Amino acid sequence: MRSVLDIGCGAGKWGFLLRDLLDFYHRGVYYRRDWVTRIDGVEAFRGYENPVHAFVYDRVHWGDVVEVIDQLGEYDVIFAMEVIEHIPKEQGLRLVETLVHKCNRVVILSFPPEFDDFGRHVLEQKDAHENRHEEHVAVWAEDDIRAYGFQCISPCAYVLPSRLWAAPRLVSSHNVLSKDDGALVLTANDSSLEYEFSSPPDALEMRVLRHPWSSTLVMCDGAGGVLHRENLHAPEGHEVWVSLPVDRCGERVRFGVESNPASRGNEAWVKGLRAKRRRAKAR
């Protein structure tokens, strides 16, 4: 993960936790000059500005997210925790649609239940801390986001997959092993996987397993011309997304495996393939 947008960042709690996890802990870097992850925030209320914003965020965009979002680019992950209930419902629905088309991975959002544990209705919350944006103006339920194929990760918190990316259709396979976890393993020089796109993709990524028995993955166009070779051999096993060239792949692409002198075997493990499509404007 290289970029995160924190919508409704408030005092900066999520930004601090993200910086701690993604750079301090995961990458072992502390000083700002060494940070790898870009973490931006959006906050409507300037009264919440404090030194945390200047320290942990690369940039905070001050303003209503409904007005700001179209000026921003894409992010790997977008956080919108306890945000959409503060936005009129129709605007909130359009915002969610925009967010899933701006994230490369997922949108993580949450909203309060209609009634809390004390029986209070969600709309009873008015402005607070001299901030009119704290008022709850919309009631949300799982049915409002069901079309996005969400995953519930805790009560009223959800992960929505990106709509920038889609899995191409597997049209043929030959001499390929299917594993219980969904992995497809090419095991011989005549093994092949062929995929079809609805239109030529803007970007293409494959999740592969690098390990001592992995060989070289060969990517060909529909006519069999070699487009790319990806060395999958590694001293230790780990999964990774690799970017593949798309300038000449057209609407069909085929993958095979060829021998690699450094490898102990002749395998290519494919754990997933996704194609990035052009962004459709939210209606």
C-alpha atoms as a PDB file:
ATOM      1  CA  MET A   1       0.000   0.000   0.000  1.00  0.00           C
ATOM      2  CA  ARG A   2       1.535   3.285  -1.099  1.00  0.00           C
ATOM      3  CA  SER A   3      -1.268   5.849  -0.720  1.00  0.00           C
ATOM      4  CA  VAL A   4      -4.196   6.424   1.660  1.00  0.00           C
ATOM      5  CA  LEU A   5      -6.893   9.081   1.779  1.00  0.00           C
ATOM      6  CA  ASP A   6      -8.440   9.714   5.211  1.00  0.00           C
ATOM      7  CA  ILE A   7     -11.803  11.469   4.753  1.00  0.00           C
ATOM      8  CA  GLY A   8     -13.125  13.324   7.767  1.00  0.00           C
ATOM      9  CA  CYS A   9      -9.729  13.072   9.415  1.00  0.00           C
ATOM     10  CA  GLY A  10     -10.789  15.166  12.441  1.00  0.00           C
ATOM     11  CA  ALA A  11      -7.947  15.482  14.925  1.00  0.00           C
ATOM     12  CA  GLY A  12      -5.806  13.019  12.944  1.00  0.00           C
ATOM     13  CA  LYS A  13      -6.347   9.749  14.848  1.00  0.00           C
ATOM     14  CA  TRP A  14      -6.536   7.488  11.796  1.00  0.00           C
ATOM     15  CA  GLY A  15      -3.694   9.287  10.074  1.00  0.00           C
ATOM     16  CA  PHE A  16      -1.427   8.730  13.075  1.00  0.00           C
ATOM     17  CA  LEU A  17      -2.335   5.033  13.306  1.00  0.00           C
ATOM     18  CA  LEU A  18      -1.838   4.556   9.563  1.00  0.00           C
ATOM     19  CA  ARG A  19       1.563   6.246   9.629  1.00  0.00           C
ATOM     20  CA  ASP A  20       2.584   4.142  12.609  1.00  0.00           C
ATOM     21  CA  LEU A  21       1.498   0.907  10.905  1.00  0.00           C
ATOM     22  CA  LEU A  22       2.563   1.517   7.306  1.00  0.00           C
ATOM     23  CA  ASP A  23       5.887   3.323   7.767  1.00  0.00           C
ATOM     24  CA  PHE A  24       7.074   3.079  11.381  1.00  0.00           C
ATOM     25  CA  TYR A  25       6.159  -0.586  11.917  1.00  0.00           C
ATOM     26  CA  HIS A  26       5.808  -2.215   8.498  1.00  0.00           C
ATOM     27  CA  ARG A  27       8.765  -0.520   6.801  1.00  0.00           C
ATOM     28  CA  GLY A  28      10.844   0.312   9.843  1.00  0.00           C
ATOM     29  CA  VAL A  29      11.302   3.992   8.943  1.00  0.00           C
ATOM     30  CA  TYR A  30      10.710   6.821  11.389  1.00  0.00           C
ATOM     31  CA  TYR A  31      12.012  10.036   9.881  1.00  0.00           C
ATOM     32  CA  ARG A  32       9.762  11.889   7.483  1.00  0.00           C
ATOM     33  CA  ARG A  33      12.445  11.980   4.798  1.00  0.00           C
ATOM     34  CA  ASP A  34      12.300   8.165   4.651  1.00  0.00           C
ATOM     35  CA  TRP A  35       8.522   7.717   4.585  1.00  0.00           C
ATOM     36  CA  VAL A  36       7.148   5.778   1.629  1.00  0.00           C
ATOM     37  CA  THR A  37       3.385   5.944   2.145  1.00  0.00           C
ATOM     38  CA  ARG A  38       1.474   9.022   0.999  1.00  0.00           C
ATOM     39  CA  ILE A  39      -1.263   9.789   3.530  1.00  0.00           C
ATOM     40  CA  ASP A  40      -3.619  12.655   2.715  1.00  0.00           C
ATOM     41  CA  GLY A  41      -6.623  13.852   4.665  1.00  0.00           C
ATOM     42  CA  VAL A  42      -9.864  15.713   4.010  1.00  0.00           C
ATOM     43  CA  GLU A  43     -11.517  17.695   6.796  1.00  0.00           C
ATOM     44  CA  ALA A  44     -14.419  20.142   6.611  1.00  0.00           C
ATOM     45  CA  PHE A  45     -13.838  21.895   9.958  1.00  0.00           C
ATOM     46  CA  ARG A  46     -10.709  24.018  10.196  1.00  0.00           C
ATOM     47  CA  GLY A  47     -11.155  24.297  13.960  1.00  0.00           C
ATOM     48  CA  TYR A  48      -9.774  20.760  14.337  1.00  0.00           C
ATOM     49  CA  GLU A  49      -6.403  21.748  12.869  1.00  0.00           C
ATOM     50  CA  ASN A  50      -3.530  20.747  15.154  1.00  0.00           C
ATOM     51  CA  PRO A  51       0.175  19.694  14.988  1.00  0.00           C
ATOM     52  CA  VAL A  52      -0.754  16.066  14.248  1.00  0.00           C
ATOM     53  CA  HIS A  53      -1.944  17.104  10.796  1.00  0.00           C
ATOM     54  CA  ALA A  54       1.379  18.716   9.970  1.00  0.00           C
ATOM     55  CA  PHE A  55       3.335  15.743  11.280  1.00  0.00           C
ATOM     56  CA  VAL A  56       1.615  12.583  10.008  1.00  0.00           C
ATOM     57  CA  TYR A  57      -0.178  13.710   6.840  1.00  0.00           C
ATOM     58  CA  ASP A  58       1.485  14.599   3.572  1.00  0.00           C
ATOM     59  CA  ARG A  59      -1.365  17.009   2.914  1.00  0.00           C
ATOM     60  CA  VAL A  60      -4.741  17.866   4.421  1.00  0.00           C
ATOM     61  CA  HIS A  61      -7.395  19.220   2.067  1.00  0.00           C
ATOM     62  CA  TRP A  62      -9.635  21.571   4.022  1.00  0.00           C
ATOM     63  CA  GLY A  63     -13.230  21.645   2.787  1.00  0.00           C
ATOM     64  CA  ASP A  64     -16.404  19.632   2.271  1.00  0.00           C
ATOM     65  CA  VAL A  65     -15.474  16.252   0.778  1.00  0.00           C
ATOM     66  CA  VAL A  66     -18.409  16.481  -1.645  1.00  0.00           C
ATOM     67  CA  GLU A  67     -16.761  19.571  -3.149  1.00  0.00           C
ATOM     68  CA  VAL A  68     -13.143  18.423  -2.768  1.00  0.00           C
ATOM     69  CA  ILE A  69     -13.206  14.803  -3.947  1.00  0.00           C
ATOM     70  CA  ASP A  70     -13.291  15.442  -7.710  1.00  0.00           C
ATOM     71  CA  GLN A  71     -10.099  17.493  -7.416  1.00  0.00           C
ATOM     72  CA  LEU A  72      -8.170  14.534  -5.967  1.00  0.00           C
ATOM     73  CA  GLY A  73      -6.497  11.652  -7.746  1.00  0.00           C
ATOM     74  CA  GLU A  74      -6.527   7.924  -7.030  1.00  0.00           C
ATOM     75  CA  TYR A  75      -5.468   6.254  -3.785  1.00  0.00           C
ATOM     76  CA  ASP A  76      -4.763   2.643  -2.925  1.00  0.00           C
ATOM     77  CA  VAL A  77      -7.073   2.767   0.099  1.00  0.00           C
ATOM     78  CA  ILE A  78      -9.697   5.332   1.097  1.00  0.00           C
ATOM     79  CA  PHE A  79     -10.914   5.660   4.689  1.00  0.00           C
ATOM     80  CA  ALA A  80     -14.327   7.218   5.354  1.00  0.00           C
ATOM     81  CA  MET A  81     -14.954   6.397   9.005  1.00  0.00           C
ATOM     82  CA  GLU A  82     -18.142   7.876  10.487  1.00  0.00           C
ATOM     83  CA  VAL A  83     -18.452  10.345   7.613  1.00  0.00           C
ATOM     84  CA  ILE A  84     -21.395   9.618   5.343  1.00  0.00           C
ATOM     85  CA  GLU A  85     -24.062  10.059   8.026  1.00  0.00           C
ATOM     86  CA  HIS A  86     -23.022  13.742   8.115  1.00  0.00           C
ATOM     87  CA  ILE A  87     -23.841  14.199   4.410  1.00  0.00           C
ATOM     88  CA  PRO A  88     -27.323  14.438   2.820  1.00  0.00           C
ATOM     89  CA  LYS A  89     -28.268  10.941   1.648  1.00  0.00           C
ATOM     90  CA  GLU A  90     -28.287  11.533  -2.115  1.00  0.00           C
ATOM     91  CA  GLN A  91     -24.915  13.272  -1.952  1.00  0.00           C
ATOM     92  CA  GLY A  92     -23.596  10.452   0.228  1.00  0.00           C
ATOM     93  CA  LEU A  93     -24.695   7.803  -2.263  1.00  0.00           C
ATOM     94  CA  ARG A  94     -22.930   9.648  -5.069  1.00  0.00           C
ATOM     95  CA  LEU A  95     -19.838  10.039  -2.882  1.00  0.00           C
ATOM     96  CA  VAL A  96     -19.587   6.300  -2.205  1.00  0.00           C
ATOM     97  CA  GLU A  97     -19.861   5.611  -5.940  1.00  0.00           C
ATOM     98  CA  THR A  98     -17.079   8.113  -6.584  1.00  0.00           C
ATOM     99  CA  LEU A  99     -14.850   6.597  -3.900  1.00  0.00           C
ATOM    100  CA  VAL A 100     -14.981   3.044  -5.283  1.00  0.00           C
ATOM    101  CA  HIS A 101     -13.870   4.488  -8.629  1.00  0.00           C
ATOM    102  CA  LYS A 102     -10.989   6.407  -7.019  1.00  0.00           C
ATOM    103  CA  CYS A 103      -9.427   3.584  -5.006  1.00  0.00           C
ATOM    104  CA  ASN A 104      -6.994   1.048  -6.402  1.00  0.00           C
ATOM    105  CA  ARG A 105      -7.700  -1.452  -3.628  1.00  0.00           C
ATOM    106  CA  VAL A 106     -10.577  -0.822  -1.218  1.00  0.00           C
ATOM    107  CA  VAL A 107     -12.760   1.755   0.487  1.00  0.00           C
ATOM    108  CA  ILE A 108     -13.096   1.272   4.250  1.00  0.00           C
ATOM    109  CA  LEU A 109     -16.145   3.050   5.629  1.00  0.00           C
ATOM    110  CA  SER A 110     -18.327   2.996   8.687  1.00  0.00           C
ATOM    111  CA  PHE A 111     -21.580   4.542   9.812  1.00  0.00           C
ATOM    112  CA  PRO A 112     -23.576   4.363  13.062  1.00  0.00           C
ATOM    113  CA  PRO A 113     -26.655   2.127  13.434  1.00  0.00           C
ATOM    114  CA  GLU A 114     -30.079   3.754  13.250  1.00  0.00           C
ATOM    115  CA  PHE A 115     -30.430   3.290  17.019  1.00  0.00           C
ATOM    116  CA  ASP A 116     -27.496   3.101  19.423  1.00  0.00           C
ATOM    117  CA  ASP A 117     -27.207   0.860  22.506  1.00  0.00           C
ATOM    118  CA  PHE A 118     -29.159   3.412  24.557  1.00  0.00           C
ATOM    119  CA  GLY A 119     -32.051   3.588  22.098  1.00  0.00           C
ATOM    120  CA  ARG A 120     -31.146   7.006  20.724  1.00  0.00           C
ATOM    121  CA  HIS A 121     -31.891   7.613  17.052  1.00  0.00           C
ATOM    122  CA  VAL A 122     -28.927   8.456  14.851  1.00  0.00           C
ATOM    123  CA  LEU A 123     -30.514  11.753  13.746  1.00  0.00           C
ATOM    124  CA  GLU A 124     -30.673  13.010  17.333  1.00  0.00           C
ATOM    125  CA  GLN A 125     -27.028  14.093  17.082  1.00  0.00           C
ATOM    126  CA  LYS A 126     -26.804  17.765  16.193  1.00  0.00           C
ATOM    127  CA  ASP A 127     -23.805  20.042  15.763  1.00  0.00           C
ATOM    128  CA  ALA A 128     -21.089  19.811  18.409  1.00  0.00           C
ATOM    129  CA  HIS A 129     -17.762  21.454  19.315  1.00  0.00           C
ATOM    130  CA  GLU A 130     -18.916  24.577  17.396  1.00  0.00           C
ATOM    131  CA  ASN A 131     -18.864  22.403  14.277  1.00  0.00           C
ATOM    132  CA  ARG A 132     -22.073  22.187  12.253  1.00  0.00           C
ATOM    133  CA  HIS A 133     -20.611  19.299  10.254  1.00  0.00           C
ATOM    134  CA  GLU A 134     -20.950  17.035  13.327  1.00  0.00           C
ATOM    135  CA  GLU A 135     -24.724  16.880  12.824  1.00  0.00           C
ATOM    136  CA  HIS A 136     -26.142  13.569  11.613  1.00  0.00           C
ATOM    137  CA  VAL A 137     -28.389  14.169   8.605  1.00  0.00           C
ATOM    138  CA  ALA A 138     -28.753  10.698   7.047  1.00  0.00           C
ATOM    139  CA  VAL A 139     -29.594   7.154   8.107  1.00  0.00           C
ATOM    140  CA  TRP A 140     -27.513   4.394   6.517  1.00  0.00           C
ATOM    141  CA  ALA A 141     -27.962   0.635   6.433  1.00  0.00           C
ATOM    142  CA  GLU A 142     -26.238  -2.313   4.785  1.00  0.00           C
ATOM    143  CA  ASP A 143     -28.821  -2.296   1.983  1.00  0.00           C
ATOM    144  CA  ASP A 144     -27.416   1.069   0.851  1.00  0.00           C
ATOM    145  CA  ILE A 145     -24.046  -0.511   0.026  1.00  0.00           C
ATOM    146  CA  ARG A 146     -25.081  -4.084  -0.808  1.00  0.00           C
ATOM    147  CA  ALA A 147     -24.518  -3.563  -4.546  1.00  0.00           C
ATOM    148  CA  TYR A 148     -20.796  -3.069  -3.893  1.00  0.00           C
ATOM    149  CA  GLY A 149     -20.270  -6.583  -2.551  1.00  0.00           C
ATOM    150  CA  PHE A 150     -19.004  -5.370   0.812  1.00  0.00           C
ATOM    151  CA  GLN A 151     -17.241  -7.326   3.527  1.00  0.00           C
ATOM    152  CA  CYS A 152     -18.293  -6.517   7.089  1.00  0.00           C
ATOM    153  CA  ILE A 153     -15.193  -6.281   9.295  1.00  0.00           C
ATOM    154  CA  SER A 154     -16.873  -5.124  12.519  1.00  0.00           C
ATOM    155  CA  PRO A 155     -20.327  -3.823  13.506  1.00  0.00           C
ATOM    156  CA  CYS A 156     -21.192  -1.035  11.038  1.00  0.00           C
ATOM    157  CA  ALA A 157     -17.715  -1.053   9.412  1.00  0.00           C
ATOM    158  CA  TYR A 158     -17.280  -2.312   5.869  1.00  0.00           C
ATOM    159  CA  VAL A 159     -14.746  -2.926   3.124  1.00  0.00           C
ATOM    160  CA  LEU A 160     -15.873  -2.068  -0.421  1.00  0.00           C
ATOM    161  CA  PRO A 161     -13.763  -3.329  -3.326  1.00  0.00           C
ATOM    162  CA  SER A 162     -12.431  -1.029  -6.002  1.00  0.00           C
ATOM    163  CA  ARG A 163     -14.417  -0.632  -9.202  1.00  0.00           C
ATOM    164  CA  LEU A 164     -11.336   0.559 -11.034  1.00  0.00           C
ATOM    165  CA  TRP A 165     -10.200  -3.047 -11.274  1.00  0.00           C
ATOM    166  CA  ALA A 166     -11.959  -6.145 -12.592  1.00  0.00           C
ATOM    167  CA  ALA A 167     -10.984  -9.776 -13.061  1.00  0.00           C
ATOM    168  CA  PRO A 168     -10.707 -10.701 -16.761  1.00  0.00           C
ATOM    169  CA  ARG A 169     -12.459 -13.839 -18.007  1.00  0.00           C
ATOM    170  CA  LEU A 170     -10.455 -17.059 -18.113  1.00  0.00           C
ATOM    171  CA  VAL A 171     -11.283 -18.518 -21.529  1.00  0.00           C
ATOM    172  CA  SER A 172      -8.958 -21.536 -21.636  1.00  0.00           C
ATOM    173  CA  SER A 173      -6.365 -23.433 -19.661  1.00  0.00           C
ATOM    174  CA  HIS A 174      -4.064 -26.348 -20.464  1.00  0.00           C
ATOM    175  CA  ASN A 175      -2.018 -28.558 -18.166  1.00  0.00           C
ATOM    176  CA  VAL A 176      -2.754 -26.368 -15.140  1.00  0.00           C
ATOM    177  CA  LEU A 177      -3.270 -27.508 -11.541  1.00  0.00           C
ATOM    178  CA  SER A 178      -6.080 -25.897  -9.515  1.00  0.00           C
ATOM    179  CA  LYS A 179      -5.428 -25.520  -5.797  1.00  0.00           C
ATOM    180  CA  ASP A 180      -7.985 -25.303  -2.976  1.00  0.00           C
ATOM    181  CA  ASP A 181      -7.117 -21.652  -2.355  1.00  0.00           C
ATOM    182  CA  GLY A 182      -7.906 -20.767  -5.980  1.00  0.00           C
ATOM    183  CA  ALA A 183      -4.309 -20.693  -7.175  1.00  0.00           C
ATOM    184  CA  LEU A 184      -3.605 -21.891 -10.711  1.00  0.00           C
ATOM    185  CA  VAL A 185      -0.219 -23.579 -11.141  1.00  0.00           C
ATOM    186  CA  LEU A 186       1.528 -23.862 -14.486  1.00  0.00           C
ATOM    187  CA  THR A 187       3.825 -26.861 -14.180  1.00  0.00           C
ATOM    188  CA  ALA A 188       5.262 -27.539 -17.654  1.00  0.00           C
ATOM    189  CA  ASN A 189       6.462 -25.710 -20.738  1.00  0.00           C
ATOM    190  CA  ASP A 190       3.159 -26.480 -22.490  1.00  0.00           C
ATOM    191  CA  SER A 191       1.008 -25.167 -19.596  1.00  0.00           C
ATOM    192  CA  SER A 192      -1.076 -22.130 -20.471  1.00  0.00           C
ATOM    193  CA  LEU A 193      -3.750 -19.747 -19.213  1.00  0.00           C
ATOM    194  CA  GLU A 194      -5.642 -17.490 -21.621  1.00  0.00           C
ATOM    195  CA  TYR A 195      -7.689 -14.495 -20.516  1.00  0.00           C
ATOM    196  CA  GLU A 196     -10.067 -12.143 -22.317  1.00  0.00           C
ATOM    197  CA  PHE A 197     -10.773  -8.491 -21.479  1.00  0.00           C
ATOM    198  CA  SER A 198     -13.967  -6.616 -22.308  1.00  0.00           C
ATOM    199  CA  SER A 199     -11.685  -3.896 -23.698  1.00  0.00           C
ATOM    200  CA  PRO A 200      -7.903  -3.336 -23.694  1.00  0.00           C
ATOM    201  CA  PRO A 201      -6.923  -2.538 -20.074  1.00  0.00           C
ATOM    202  CA  ASP A 202      -5.186   0.601 -18.839  1.00  0.00           C
ATOM    203  CA  ALA A 203      -3.125  -1.487 -16.402  1.00  0.00           C
ATOM    204  CA  LEU A 204      -2.683  -5.152 -15.578  1.00  0.00           C
ATOM    205  CA  GLU A 205      -1.522  -6.771 -12.346  1.00  0.00           C
ATOM    206  CA  MET A 206      -1.020 -10.419 -11.421  1.00  0.00           C
ATOM    207  CA  ARG A 207      -0.645 -11.870  -7.946  1.00  0.00           C
ATOM    208  CA  VAL A 208       2.057 -14.522  -8.065  1.00  0.00           C
ATOM    209  CA  LEU A 209       4.006 -16.696  -5.699  1.00  0.00           C
ATOM    210  CA  ARG A 210       7.769 -16.201  -5.734  1.00  0.00           C
ATOM    211  CA  HIS A 211       9.705 -19.128  -4.240  1.00  0.00           C
ATOM    212  CA  PRO A 212      12.725 -21.393  -4.954  1.00  0.00           C
ATOM    213  CA  TRP A 213      10.727 -23.676  -7.288  1.00  0.00           C
ATOM    214  CA  SER A 214       9.196 -20.808  -9.289  1.00  0.00           C
ATOM    215  CA  SER A 215      10.464 -20.372 -12.818  1.00  0.00           C
ATOM    216  CA  THR A 216       9.789 -17.668 -15.431  1.00  0.00           C
ATOM    217  CA  LEU A 217       6.274 -16.564 -16.353  1.00  0.00           C
ATOM    218  CA  VAL A 218       5.833 -15.736 -20.033  1.00  0.00           C
ATOM    219  CA  MET A 219       3.132 -13.311 -21.180  1.00  0.00           C
ATOM    220  CA  CYS A 220       2.017 -13.472 -24.829  1.00  0.00           C
ATOM    221  CA  ASP A 221      -0.565 -11.678 -26.943  1.00  0.00           C
ATOM    222  CA  GLY A 222      -3.504 -13.468 -28.538  1.00  0.00           C
ATOM    223  CA  ALA A 223      -1.381 -14.449 -31.545  1.00  0.00           C
ATOM    224  CA  GLY A 224       1.382 -15.934 -29.376  1.00  0.00           C
ATOM    225  CA  GLY A 225       3.882 -13.090 -29.614  1.00  0.00           C
ATOM    226  CA  VAL A 226       5.917 -12.692 -26.425  1.00  0.00           C
ATOM    227  CA  LEU A 227       5.103  -9.465 -24.583  1.00  0.00           C
ATOM    228  CA  HIS A 228       6.922  -9.937 -21.301  1.00  0.00           C
ATOM    229  CA  ARG A 229       8.919 -12.371 -19.161  1.00  0.00           C
ATOM    230  CA  GLU A 230       8.653 -12.198 -15.369  1.00  0.00           C
ATOM    231  CA  ASN A 231      11.254 -14.001 -13.253  1.00  0.00           C
ATOM    232  CA  LEU A 232       9.365 -15.542 -10.312  1.00  0.00           C
ATOM    233  CA  HIS A 233      12.326 -17.254  -8.656  1.00  0.00           C
ATOM    234  CA  ALA A 234      13.132 -16.136  -5.100  1.00  0.00           C
ATOM    235  CA  PRO A 235      15.187 -17.651  -2.241  1.00  0.00           C
ATOM    236  CA  GLU A 236      12.125 -17.614   0.051  1.00  0.00           C
ATOM    237  CA  GLY A 237       8.418 -17.949  -0.674  1.00  0.00           C
ATOM    238  CA  HIS A 238       6.184 -14.858  -0.691  1.00  0.00           C
ATOM    239  CA  GLU A 239       3.185 -13.571  -2.621  1.00  0.00           C
ATOM    240  CA  VAL A 240       3.327 -10.283  -4.496  1.00  0.00           C
ATOM    241  CA  TRP A 241       1.396  -8.271  -7.077  1.00  0.00           C
ATOM    242  CA  VAL A 242       3.458  -7.626 -10.210  1.00  0.00           C
ATOM    243  CA  SER A 243       2.653  -5.025 -12.855  1.00  0.00           C
ATOM    244  CA  LEU A 244       2.523  -6.311 -16.417  1.00  0.00           C
ATOM    245  CA  PRO A 245       2.826  -4.297 -19.652  1.00  0.00           C
ATOM    246  CA  VAL A 246      -0.413  -3.506 -21.486  1.00  0.00           C
ATOM    247  CA  ASP A 247       0.700  -1.448 -24.476  1.00  0.00           C
ATOM    248  CA  ARG A 248       0.416  -4.394 -26.914  1.00  0.00           C
ATOM    249  CA  CYS A 249      -1.761  -6.979 -25.162  1.00  0.00           C
ATOM    250  CA  GLY A 250      -5.064  -6.168 -26.915  1.00  0.00           C
ATOM    251  CA  GLU A 251      -8.197  -7.940 -25.691  1.00  0.00           C
ATOM    252  CA  ARG A 252      -6.610 -11.361 -25.127  1.00  0.00           C
ATOM    253  CA  VAL A 253      -3.483 -12.441 -23.327  1.00  0.00           C
ATOM    254  CA  ARG A 254      -1.936 -15.851 -22.676  1.00  0.00           C
ATOM    255  CA  PHE A 255       0.474 -16.936 -19.948  1.00  0.00           C
ATOM    256  CA  GLY A 256       2.908 -19.828 -19.943  1.00  0.00           C
ATOM    257  CA  VAL A 257       6.027 -20.928 -18.106  1.00  0.00           C
ATOM    258  CA  GLU A 258       9.557 -21.531 -19.263  1.00  0.00           C
ATOM    259  CA  SER A 259      12.627 -22.991 -17.586  1.00  0.00           C
ATOM    260  CA  ASN A 260      14.813 -20.830 -15.376  1.00  0.00           C
ATOM    261  CA  PRO A 261      18.353 -22.096 -14.618  1.00  0.00           C
ATOM    262  CA  ALA A 262      18.204 -20.562 -11.135  1.00  0.00           C
ATOM    263  CA  SER A 263      15.015 -22.385 -10.166  1.00  0.00           C
ATOM    264  CA  ARG A 264      14.764 -25.771  -8.474  1.00  0.00           C
ATOM    265  CA  GLY A 265      11.594 -26.496 -10.439  1.00  0.00           C
ATOM    266  CA  ASN A 266       9.492 -25.306 -13.356  1.00  0.00           C
ATOM    267  CA  GLU A 267       6.393 -23.738 -11.817  1.00  0.00           C
ATOM    268  CA  ALA A 268       4.420 -20.524 -12.000  1.00  0.00           C
ATOM    269  CA  TRP A 269       1.775 -19.964  -9.345  1.00  0.00           C
ATOM    270  CA  VAL A 270      -0.956 -17.490 -10.360  1.00  0.00           C
ATOM    271  CA  LYS A 271      -3.047 -16.279  -7.406  1.00  0.00           C
ATOM    272  CA  GLY A 272      -5.039 -13.620  -9.235  1.00  0.00           C
ATOM    273  CA  LEU A 273      -5.211 -11.337 -12.279  1.00  0.00           C
ATOM    274  CA  ARG A 274      -6.887  -7.952 -12.454  1.00  0.00           C
ATOM    275  CA  ALA A 275      -7.284  -5.337 -15.134  1.00  0.00           C
ATOM    276  CA  LYS A 276      -7.704  -1.624 -14.542  1.00  0.00           C
ATOM    277  CA  ARG A 277     -10.413  -0.040 -16.603  1.00  0.00           C
ATOM    278  CA  ARG A 278     -11.127   3.563 -17.419  1.00  0.00           C
ATOM    279  CA  ARG A 279     -13.020   5.441 -14.756  1.00  0.00           C
ATOM    280  CA  ALA A 280     -16.725   5.886 -15.378  1.00  0.00           C
ATOM    281  CA  LYS A 281     -18.080   9.087 -13.879  1.00  0.00           C
ATOM    282  CA  ALA A 282     -20.517   8.576 -11.052  1.00  0.00           C
ATOM    283  CA  ARG A 283     -24.060   9.607 -11.856  1.00  0.00           C
END
